[in-house]
Amino acid sequence: MNAPPEKPKLSRLFRLQWEDAQSDYVLLYPEGMVKLNRSAAEILKLCDGERDVQTITHDLERAFSVAGLKEDVNDFLRIANERNWIS
């Protein structure tokens, strides 16, 4: 299992966008679409290649007034990396 990049960014093969028809964020790619839950979308919105994982986690904790998201963010980023959503 590969660890996610230190400063993850959305892969060029995917586009994150809001879909009114889905009432959710989705990842669009040439072969289809992945409907995301809110947590996944919020994490991917911060994957800009500039922020490291620690900063992404901190920004989410601050934005949603919660603590202890490190493990959840890391778990999601590992999955996103395995699915090639991030690079």
PDB file of N, CA and C in Angstrom:
ATOM      1  N   MET A   1       0.839  -1.179   0.000  1.00  0.00           N
ATOM      2  CA  MET A   1       0.000   0.000   0.000  1.00  0.00           C
ATOM      3  C   MET A   1       0.887   1.248   0.000  1.00  0.00           C
ATOM      4  N   ASN A   2       0.726   2.096  -0.993  1.00  0.00           N
ATOM      5  CA  ASN A   2       1.524   3.303  -1.113  1.00  0.00           C
ATOM      6  C   ASN A   2       0.948   4.423  -0.259  1.00  0.00           C
ATOM      7  N   ALA A   3       1.836   5.157   0.377  1.00  0.00           N
ATOM      8  CA  ALA A   3       1.412   6.317   1.157  1.00  0.00           C
ATOM      9  C   ALA A   3       1.041   7.444   0.188  1.00  0.00           C
ATOM     10  N   PRO A   4       0.087   8.285   0.578  1.00  0.00           N
ATOM     11  CA  PRO A   4      -0.262   9.412  -0.287  1.00  0.00           C
ATOM     12  C   PRO A   4       0.896  10.395  -0.386  1.00  0.00           C
ATOM     13  N   PRO A   5       0.911  11.216  -1.416  1.00  0.00           N
ATOM     14  CA  PRO A   5       1.967  12.212  -1.560  1.00  0.00           C
ATOM     15  C   PRO A   5       1.966  13.185  -0.379  1.00  0.00           C
ATOM     16  N   GLU A   6       3.114  13.759  -0.106  1.00  0.00           N
ATOM     17  CA  GLU A   6       3.238  14.709   1.006  1.00  0.00           C
ATOM     18  C   GLU A   6       2.345  15.934   0.795  1.00  0.00           C
ATOM     19  N   LYS A   7       2.286  16.408  -0.447  1.00  0.00           N
ATOM     20  CA  LYS A   7       1.432  17.546  -0.807  1.00  0.00           C
ATOM     21  C   LYS A   7       0.501  17.101  -1.937  1.00  0.00           C
ATOM     22  N   PRO A   8      -0.589  16.429  -1.559  1.00  0.00           N
ATOM     23  CA  PRO A   8      -1.467  15.854  -2.586  1.00  0.00           C
ATOM     24  C   PRO A   8      -2.180  16.907  -3.421  1.00  0.00           C
ATOM     25  N   LYS A   9      -2.415  16.539  -4.663  1.00  0.00           N
ATOM     26  CA  LYS A   9      -3.224  17.375  -5.547  1.00  0.00           C
ATOM     27  C   LYS A   9      -4.104  16.453  -6.377  1.00  0.00           C
ATOM     28  N   LEU A  10      -5.212  16.968  -6.823  1.00  0.00           N
ATOM     29  CA  LEU A  10      -6.129  16.194  -7.637  1.00  0.00           C
ATOM     30  C   LEU A  10      -5.443  15.807  -8.942  1.00  0.00           C
ATOM     31  N   SER A  11      -5.563  14.547  -9.309  1.00  0.00           N
ATOM     32  CA  SER A  11      -4.978  14.072 -10.554  1.00  0.00           C
ATOM     33  C   SER A  11      -5.581  14.819 -11.741  1.00  0.00           C
ATOM     34  N   ARG A  12      -4.788  15.012 -12.780  1.00  0.00           N
ATOM     35  CA  ARG A  12      -5.257  15.708 -13.983  1.00  0.00           C
ATOM     36  C   ARG A  12      -6.374  14.944 -14.692  1.00  0.00           C
ATOM     37  N   LEU A  13      -6.525  13.659 -14.388  1.00  0.00           N
ATOM     38  CA  LEU A  13      -7.561  12.849 -15.029  1.00  0.00           C
ATOM     39  C   LEU A  13      -8.949  13.089 -14.435  1.00  0.00           C
ATOM     40  N   PHE A  14      -9.007  13.794 -13.305  1.00  0.00           N
ATOM     41  CA  PHE A  14     -10.267  13.989 -12.593  1.00  0.00           C
ATOM     42  C   PHE A  14     -10.589  15.467 -12.452  1.00  0.00           C
ATOM     43  N   ARG A  15     -11.891  15.744 -12.385  1.00  0.00           N
ATOM     44  CA  ARG A  15     -12.349  17.111 -12.120  1.00  0.00           C
ATOM     45  C   ARG A  15     -13.383  17.039 -11.003  1.00  0.00           C
ATOM     46  N   LEU A  16     -13.151  17.818  -9.964  1.00  0.00           N
ATOM     47  CA  LEU A  16     -14.071  17.901  -8.833  1.00  0.00           C
ATOM     48  C   LEU A  16     -15.053  19.017  -9.107  1.00  0.00           C
ATOM     49  N   GLN A  17     -16.349  18.703  -9.048  1.00  0.00           N
ATOM     50  CA  GLN A  17     -17.339  19.750  -9.261  1.00  0.00           C
ATOM     51  C   GLN A  17     -18.641  19.414  -8.558  1.00  0.00           C
ATOM     52  N   TRP A  18     -19.414  20.461  -8.281  1.00  0.00           N
ATOM     53  CA  TRP A  18     -20.740  20.316  -7.703  1.00  0.00           C
ATOM     54  C   TRP A  18     -21.705  19.927  -8.817  1.00  0.00           C
ATOM     55  N   GLU A  19     -22.545  18.947  -8.562  1.00  0.00           N
ATOM     56  CA  GLU A  19     -23.553  18.516  -9.522  1.00  0.00           C
ATOM     57  C   GLU A  19     -24.928  18.727  -8.911  1.00  0.00           C
ATOM     58  N   ASP A  20     -25.690  19.656  -9.462  1.00  0.00           N
ATOM     59  CA  ASP A  20     -27.042  19.896  -8.968  1.00  0.00           C
ATOM     60  C   ASP A  20     -27.890  18.630  -9.059  1.00  0.00           C
ATOM     61  N   ALA A  21     -27.745  17.890 -10.142  1.00  0.00           N
ATOM     62  CA  ALA A  21     -28.552  16.686 -10.335  1.00  0.00           C
ATOM     63  C   ALA A  21     -28.277  15.645  -9.246  1.00  0.00           C
ATOM     64  N   GLN A  22     -27.059  15.622  -8.734  1.00  0.00           N
ATOM     65  CA  GLN A  22     -26.679  14.676  -7.685  1.00  0.00           C
ATOM     66  C   GLN A  22     -26.842  15.280  -6.284  1.00  0.00           C
ATOM     67  N   SER A  23     -26.978  16.600  -6.232  1.00  0.00           N
ATOM     68  CA  SER A  23     -26.990  17.334  -4.956  1.00  0.00           C
ATOM     69  C   SER A  23     -25.759  17.002  -4.119  1.00  0.00           C
ATOM     70  N   ASP A  24     -24.649  16.859  -4.797  1.00  0.00           N
ATOM     71  CA  ASP A  24     -23.383  16.514  -4.150  1.00  0.00           C
ATOM     72  C   ASP A  24     -22.222  16.873  -5.069  1.00  0.00           C
ATOM     73  N   TYR A  25     -21.027  16.820  -4.476  1.00  0.00           N
ATOM     74  CA  TYR A  25     -19.820  16.934  -5.285  1.00  0.00           C
ATOM     75  C   TYR A  25     -19.556  15.594  -5.947  1.00  0.00           C
ATOM     76  N   VAL A  26     -18.988  15.647  -7.126  1.00  0.00           N
ATOM     77  CA  VAL A  26     -18.610  14.444  -7.860  1.00  0.00           C
ATOM     78  C   VAL A  26     -17.208  14.618  -8.418  1.00  0.00           C
ATOM     79  N   LEU A  27     -16.570  13.488  -8.681  1.00  0.00           N
ATOM     80  CA  LEU A  27     -15.320  13.463  -9.428  1.00  0.00           C
ATOM     81  C   LEU A  27     -15.661  12.973 -10.816  1.00  0.00           C
ATOM     82  N   LEU A  28     -15.412  13.795 -11.803  1.00  0.00           N
ATOM     83  CA  LEU A  28     -15.648  13.401 -13.192  1.00  0.00           C
ATOM     84  C   LEU A  28     -14.334  12.926 -13.802  1.00  0.00           C
ATOM     85  N   TYR A  29     -14.424  11.891 -14.608  1.00  0.00           N
ATOM     86  CA  TYR A  29     -13.260  11.372 -15.328  1.00  0.00           C
ATOM     87  C   TYR A  29     -13.751  10.801 -16.649  1.00  0.00           C
ATOM     88  N   PRO A  30     -12.859  10.529 -17.584  1.00  0.00           N
ATOM     89  CA  PRO A  30     -13.311  10.126 -18.925  1.00  0.00           C
ATOM     90  C   PRO A  30     -14.275   8.939 -18.951  1.00  0.00           C
ATOM     91  N   GLU A  31     -14.123   7.997 -18.036  1.00  0.00           N
ATOM     92  CA  GLU A  31     -14.964   6.803 -18.056  1.00  0.00           C
ATOM     93  C   GLU A  31     -16.227   6.939 -17.222  1.00  0.00           C
ATOM     94  N   GLY A  32     -16.392   8.040 -16.488  1.00  0.00           N
ATOM     95  CA  GLY A  32     -17.581   8.140 -15.657  1.00  0.00           C
ATOM     96  C   GLY A  32     -17.512   9.192 -14.577  1.00  0.00           C
ATOM     97  N   MET A  33     -18.135   8.848 -13.444  1.00  0.00           N
ATOM     98  CA  MET A  33     -18.288   9.812 -12.369  1.00  0.00           C
ATOM     99  C   MET A  33     -18.313   9.056 -11.041  1.00  0.00           C
ATOM    100  N   VAL A  34     -17.745   9.689 -10.009  1.00  0.00           N
ATOM    101  CA  VAL A  34     -17.796   9.161  -8.658  1.00  0.00           C
ATOM    102  C   VAL A  34     -18.518  10.192  -7.802  1.00  0.00           C
ATOM    103  N   LYS A  35     -19.616   9.792  -7.170  1.00  0.00           N
ATOM    104  CA  LYS A  35     -20.326  10.684  -6.256  1.00  0.00           C
ATOM    105  C   LYS A  35     -19.604  10.630  -4.912  1.00  0.00           C
ATOM    106  N   LEU A  36     -19.288  11.800  -4.365  1.00  0.00           N
ATOM    107  CA  LEU A  36     -18.531  11.890  -3.125  1.00  0.00           C
ATOM    108  C   LEU A  36     -19.432  12.272  -1.954  1.00  0.00           C
ATOM    109  N   ASN A  37     -19.085  11.787  -0.777  1.00  0.00           N
ATOM    110  CA  ASN A  37     -19.767  12.296   0.404  1.00  0.00           C
ATOM    111  C   ASN A  37     -19.123  13.646   0.762  1.00  0.00           C
ATOM    112  N   ARG A  38     -19.739  14.359   1.675  1.00  0.00           N
ATOM    113  CA  ARG A  38     -19.274  15.707   2.001  1.00  0.00           C
ATOM    114  C   ARG A  38     -17.837  15.710   2.517  1.00  0.00           C
ATOM    115  N   SER A  39     -17.502  14.754   3.370  1.00  0.00           N
ATOM    116  CA  SER A  39     -16.149  14.702   3.936  1.00  0.00           C
ATOM    117  C   SER A  39     -15.099  14.531   2.843  1.00  0.00           C
ATOM    118  N   ALA A  40     -15.352  13.609   1.932  1.00  0.00           N
ATOM    119  CA  ALA A  40     -14.414  13.365   0.836  1.00  0.00           C
ATOM    120  C   ALA A  40     -14.238  14.612  -0.016  1.00  0.00           C
ATOM    121  N   ALA A  41     -15.344  15.277  -0.320  1.00  0.00           N
ATOM    122  CA  ALA A  41     -15.271  16.490  -1.135  1.00  0.00           C
ATOM    123  C   ALA A  41     -14.480  17.582  -0.429  1.00  0.00           C
ATOM    124  N   GLU A  42     -14.714  17.752   0.868  1.00  0.00           N
ATOM    125  CA  GLU A  42     -14.006  18.795   1.615  1.00  0.00           C
ATOM    126  C   GLU A  42     -12.502  18.530   1.637  1.00  0.00           C
ATOM    127  N   ILE A  43     -12.115  17.270   1.774  1.00  0.00           N
ATOM    128  CA  ILE A  43     -10.687  16.931   1.752  1.00  0.00           C
ATOM    129  C   ILE A  43     -10.105  17.200   0.367  1.00  0.00           C
ATOM    130  N   LEU A  44     -10.771  16.718  -0.668  1.00  0.00           N
ATOM    131  CA  LEU A  44     -10.243  16.884  -2.031  1.00  0.00           C
ATOM    132  C   LEU A  44     -10.168  18.352  -2.445  1.00  0.00           C
ATOM    133  N   LYS A  45     -11.071  19.184  -1.952  1.00  0.00           N
ATOM    134  CA  LYS A  45     -11.012  20.616  -2.273  1.00  0.00           C
ATOM    135  C   LYS A  45      -9.708  21.238  -1.786  1.00  0.00           C
ATOM    136  N   LEU A  46      -9.138  20.663  -0.733  1.00  0.00           N
ATOM    137  CA  LEU A  46      -7.896  21.205  -0.171  1.00  0.00           C
ATOM    138  C   LEU A  46      -6.645  20.576  -0.770  1.00  0.00           C
ATOM    139  N   CYS A  47      -6.806  19.583  -1.612  1.00  0.00           N
ATOM    140  CA  CYS A  47      -5.660  18.918  -2.253  1.00  0.00           C
ATOM    141  C   CYS A  47      -5.242  19.728  -3.481  1.00  0.00           C
ATOM    142  N   ASP A  48      -4.447  20.748  -3.221  1.00  0.00           N
ATOM    143  CA  ASP A  48      -4.058  21.690  -4.271  1.00  0.00           C
ATOM    144  C   ASP A  48      -2.581  21.591  -4.652  1.00  0.00           C
ATOM    145  N   GLY A  49      -1.859  20.652  -4.046  1.00  0.00           N
ATOM    146  CA  GLY A  49      -0.435  20.517  -4.322  1.00  0.00           C
ATOM    147  C   GLY A  49       0.423  21.500  -3.554  1.00  0.00           C
ATOM    148  N   GLU A  50      -0.205  22.424  -2.842  1.00  0.00           N
ATOM    149  CA  GLU A  50       0.510  23.406  -2.032  1.00  0.00           C
ATOM    150  C   GLU A  50       0.485  23.032  -0.548  1.00  0.00           C
ATOM    151  N   ARG A  51      -0.666  22.512  -0.104  1.00  0.00           N
ATOM    152  CA  ARG A  51      -0.826  22.144   1.307  1.00  0.00           C
ATOM    153  C   ARG A  51      -0.305  20.733   1.541  1.00  0.00           C
ATOM    154  N   ASP A  52       0.376  20.542   2.676  1.00  0.00           N
ATOM    155  CA  ASP A  52       0.742  19.183   3.060  1.00  0.00           C
ATOM    156  C   ASP A  52      -0.419  18.578   3.848  1.00  0.00           C
ATOM    157  N   VAL A  53      -0.317  17.297   4.143  1.00  0.00           N
ATOM    158  CA  VAL A  53      -1.405  16.585   4.809  1.00  0.00           C
ATOM    159  C   VAL A  53      -1.704  17.194   6.173  1.00  0.00           C
ATOM    160  N   GLN A  54      -0.670  17.596   6.893  1.00  0.00           N
ATOM    161  CA  GLN A  54      -0.874  18.213   8.205  1.00  0.00           C
ATOM    162  C   GLN A  54      -1.673  19.513   8.078  1.00  0.00           C
ATOM    163  N   THR A  55      -1.379  20.316   7.082  1.00  0.00           N
ATOM    164  CA  THR A  55      -2.099  21.569   6.868  1.00  0.00           C
ATOM    165  C   THR A  55      -3.540  21.304   6.451  1.00  0.00           C
ATOM    166  N   ILE A  56      -3.741  20.324   5.584  1.00  0.00           N
ATOM    167  CA  ILE A  56      -5.102  19.957   5.177  1.00  0.00           C
ATOM    168  C   ILE A  56      -5.913  19.566   6.402  1.00  0.00           C
ATOM    169  N   THR A  57      -5.341  18.726   7.248  1.00  0.00           N
ATOM    170  CA  THR A  57      -6.022  18.290   8.469  1.00  0.00           C
ATOM    171  C   THR A  57      -6.331  19.480   9.364  1.00  0.00           C
ATOM    172  N   HIS A  58      -5.361  20.339   9.570  1.00  0.00           N
ATOM    173  CA  HIS A  58      -5.552  21.521  10.420  1.00  0.00           C
ATOM    174  C   HIS A  58      -6.645  22.432   9.854  1.00  0.00           C
ATOM    175  N   ASP A  59      -6.616  22.658   8.563  1.00  0.00           N
ATOM    176  CA  ASP A  59      -7.623  23.528   7.926  1.00  0.00           C
ATOM    177  C   ASP A  59      -9.030  22.958   8.089  1.00  0.00           C
ATOM    178  N   LEU A  60      -9.168  21.638   7.969  1.00  0.00           N
ATOM    179  CA  LEU A  60     -10.479  21.002   8.146  1.00  0.00           C
ATOM    180  C   LEU A  60     -10.942  21.093   9.595  1.00  0.00           C
ATOM    181  N   GLU A  61     -10.032  20.831  10.518  1.00  0.00           N
ATOM    182  CA  GLU A  61     -10.387  20.908  11.941  1.00  0.00           C
ATOM    183  C   GLU A  61     -10.833  22.320  12.315  1.00  0.00           C
ATOM    184  N   ARG A  62     -10.153  23.300  11.777  1.00  0.00           N
ATOM    185  CA  ARG A  62     -10.519  24.695  12.059  1.00  0.00           C
ATOM    186  C   ARG A  62     -11.851  25.061  11.396  1.00  0.00           C
ATOM    187  N   ALA A  63     -12.035  24.659  10.145  1.00  0.00           N
ATOM    188  CA  ALA A  63     -13.249  25.016   9.406  1.00  0.00           C
ATOM    189  C   ALA A  63     -14.503  24.399  10.022  1.00  0.00           C
ATOM    190  N   PHE A  64     -14.370  23.193  10.579  1.00  0.00           N
ATOM    191  CA  PHE A  64     -15.540  22.495  11.109  1.00  0.00           C
ATOM    192  C   PHE A  64     -15.555  22.427  12.634  1.00  0.00           C
ATOM    193  N   SER A  65     -14.631  23.149  13.261  1.00  0.00           N
ATOM    194  CA  SER A  65     -14.562  23.225  14.733  1.00  0.00           C
ATOM    195  C   SER A  65     -14.556  21.841  15.385  1.00  0.00           C
ATOM    196  N   VAL A  66     -13.684  20.988  14.871  1.00  0.00           N
ATOM    197  CA  VAL A  66     -13.515  19.650  15.435  1.00  0.00           C
ATOM    198  C   VAL A  66     -12.024  19.367  15.592  1.00  0.00           C
ATOM    199  N   ALA A  67     -11.720  18.343  16.374  1.00  0.00           N
ATOM    200  CA  ALA A  67     -10.329  17.920  16.550  1.00  0.00           C
ATOM    201  C   ALA A  67     -10.243  16.426  16.262  1.00  0.00           C
ATOM    202  N   GLY A  68      -9.033  15.962  16.041  1.00  0.00           N
ATOM    203  CA  GLY A  68      -8.817  14.530  15.878  1.00  0.00           C
ATOM    204  C   GLY A  68      -9.144  13.963  14.515  1.00  0.00           C
ATOM    205  N   LEU A  69      -8.985  14.757  13.461  1.00  0.00           N
ATOM    206  CA  LEU A  69      -9.293  14.275  12.113  1.00  0.00           C
ATOM    207  C   LEU A  69      -8.107  13.623  11.408  1.00  0.00           C
ATOM    208  N   LYS A  70      -6.948  13.652  12.029  1.00  0.00           N
ATOM    209  CA  LYS A  70      -5.725  13.186  11.365  1.00  0.00           C
ATOM    210  C   LYS A  70      -5.872  11.783  10.775  1.00  0.00           C
ATOM    211  N   GLU A  71      -6.361  10.842  11.573  1.00  0.00           N
ATOM    212  CA  GLU A  71      -6.467   9.456  11.102  1.00  0.00           C
ATOM    213  C   GLU A  71      -7.473   9.337   9.965  1.00  0.00           C
ATOM    214  N   ASP A  72      -8.608  10.025  10.083  1.00  0.00           N
ATOM    215  CA  ASP A  72      -9.625   9.967   9.022  1.00  0.00           C
ATOM    216  C   ASP A  72      -9.116  10.570   7.724  1.00  0.00           C
ATOM    217  N   VAL A  73      -8.426  11.699   7.814  1.00  0.00           N
ATOM    218  CA  VAL A  73      -7.870  12.335   6.618  1.00  0.00           C
ATOM    219  C   VAL A  73      -6.822  11.423   5.982  1.00  0.00           C
ATOM    220  N   ASN A  74      -5.936  10.877   6.803  1.00  0.00           N
ATOM    221  CA  ASN A  74      -4.908   9.976   6.272  1.00  0.00           C
ATOM    222  C   ASN A  74      -5.518   8.747   5.613  1.00  0.00           C
ATOM    223  N   ASP A  75      -6.548   8.163   6.252  1.00  0.00           N
ATOM    224  CA  ASP A  75      -7.209   6.989   5.665  1.00  0.00           C
ATOM    225  C   ASP A  75      -7.825   7.332   4.314  1.00  0.00           C
ATOM    226  N   PHE A  76      -8.530   8.466   4.247  1.00  0.00           N
ATOM    227  CA  PHE A  76      -9.141   8.848   2.978  1.00  0.00           C
ATOM    228  C   PHE A  76      -8.080   9.101   1.905  1.00  0.00           C
ATOM    229  N   LEU A  77      -7.017   9.804   2.263  1.00  0.00           N
ATOM    230  CA  LEU A  77      -5.977  10.098   1.273  1.00  0.00           C
ATOM    231  C   LEU A  77      -5.287   8.835   0.772  1.00  0.00           C
ATOM    232  N   ARG A  78      -5.146   7.828   1.625  1.00  0.00           N
ATOM    233  CA  ARG A  78      -4.582   6.548   1.169  1.00  0.00           C
ATOM    234  C   ARG A  78      -5.506   5.921   0.111  1.00  0.00           C
ATOM    235  N   ILE A  79      -6.794   5.934   0.384  1.00  0.00           N
ATOM    236  CA  ILE A  79      -7.759   5.379  -0.575  1.00  0.00           C
ATOM    237  C   ILE A  79      -7.752   6.188  -1.871  1.00  0.00           C
ATOM    238  N   ALA A  80      -7.770   7.510  -1.741  1.00  0.00           N
ATOM    239  CA  ALA A  80      -7.752   8.381  -2.926  1.00  0.00           C
ATOM    240  C   ALA A  80      -6.494   8.149  -3.751  1.00  0.00           C
ATOM    241  N   ASN A  81      -5.378   7.927  -3.087  1.00  0.00           N
ATOM    242  CA  ASN A  81      -4.123   7.648  -3.776  1.00  0.00           C
ATOM    243  C   ASN A  81      -4.179   6.296  -4.497  1.00  0.00           C
ATOM    244  N   GLU A  82      -4.728   5.282  -3.839  1.00  0.00           N
ATOM    245  CA  GLU A  82      -4.861   3.965  -4.461  1.00  0.00           C
ATOM    246  C   GLU A  82      -5.748   4.012  -5.690  1.00  0.00           C
ATOM    247  N   ARG A  83      -6.747   4.890  -5.670  1.00  0.00           N
ATOM    248  CA  ARG A  83      -7.674   5.026  -6.810  1.00  0.00           C
ATOM    249  C   ARG A  83      -7.175   6.035  -7.836  1.00  0.00           C
ATOM    250  N   ASN A  84      -5.976   6.559  -7.612  1.00  0.00           N
ATOM    251  CA  ASN A  84      -5.350   7.540  -8.513  1.00  0.00           C
ATOM    252  C   ASN A  84      -6.120   8.847  -8.625  1.00  0.00           C
ATOM    253  N   TRP A  85      -6.911   9.184  -7.597  1.00  0.00           N
ATOM    254  CA  TRP A  85      -7.620  10.461  -7.592  1.00  0.00           C
ATOM    255  C   TRP A  85      -6.663  11.609  -7.310  1.00  0.00           C
ATOM    256  N   ILE A  86      -5.581  11.309  -6.584  1.00  0.00           N
ATOM    257  CA  ILE A  86      -4.597  12.339  -6.241  1.00  0.00           C
ATOM    258  C   ILE A  86      -3.220  11.894  -6.718  1.00  0.00           C
ATOM    259  N   SER A  87      -2.359  12.885  -6.859  1.00  0.00           N
ATOM    260  CA  SER A  87      -0.973  12.574  -7.256  1.00  0.00           C
ATOM    261  C   SER A  87      -0.050  13.466  -6.458  1.00  0.00           C
TER     262      SER A  87
END
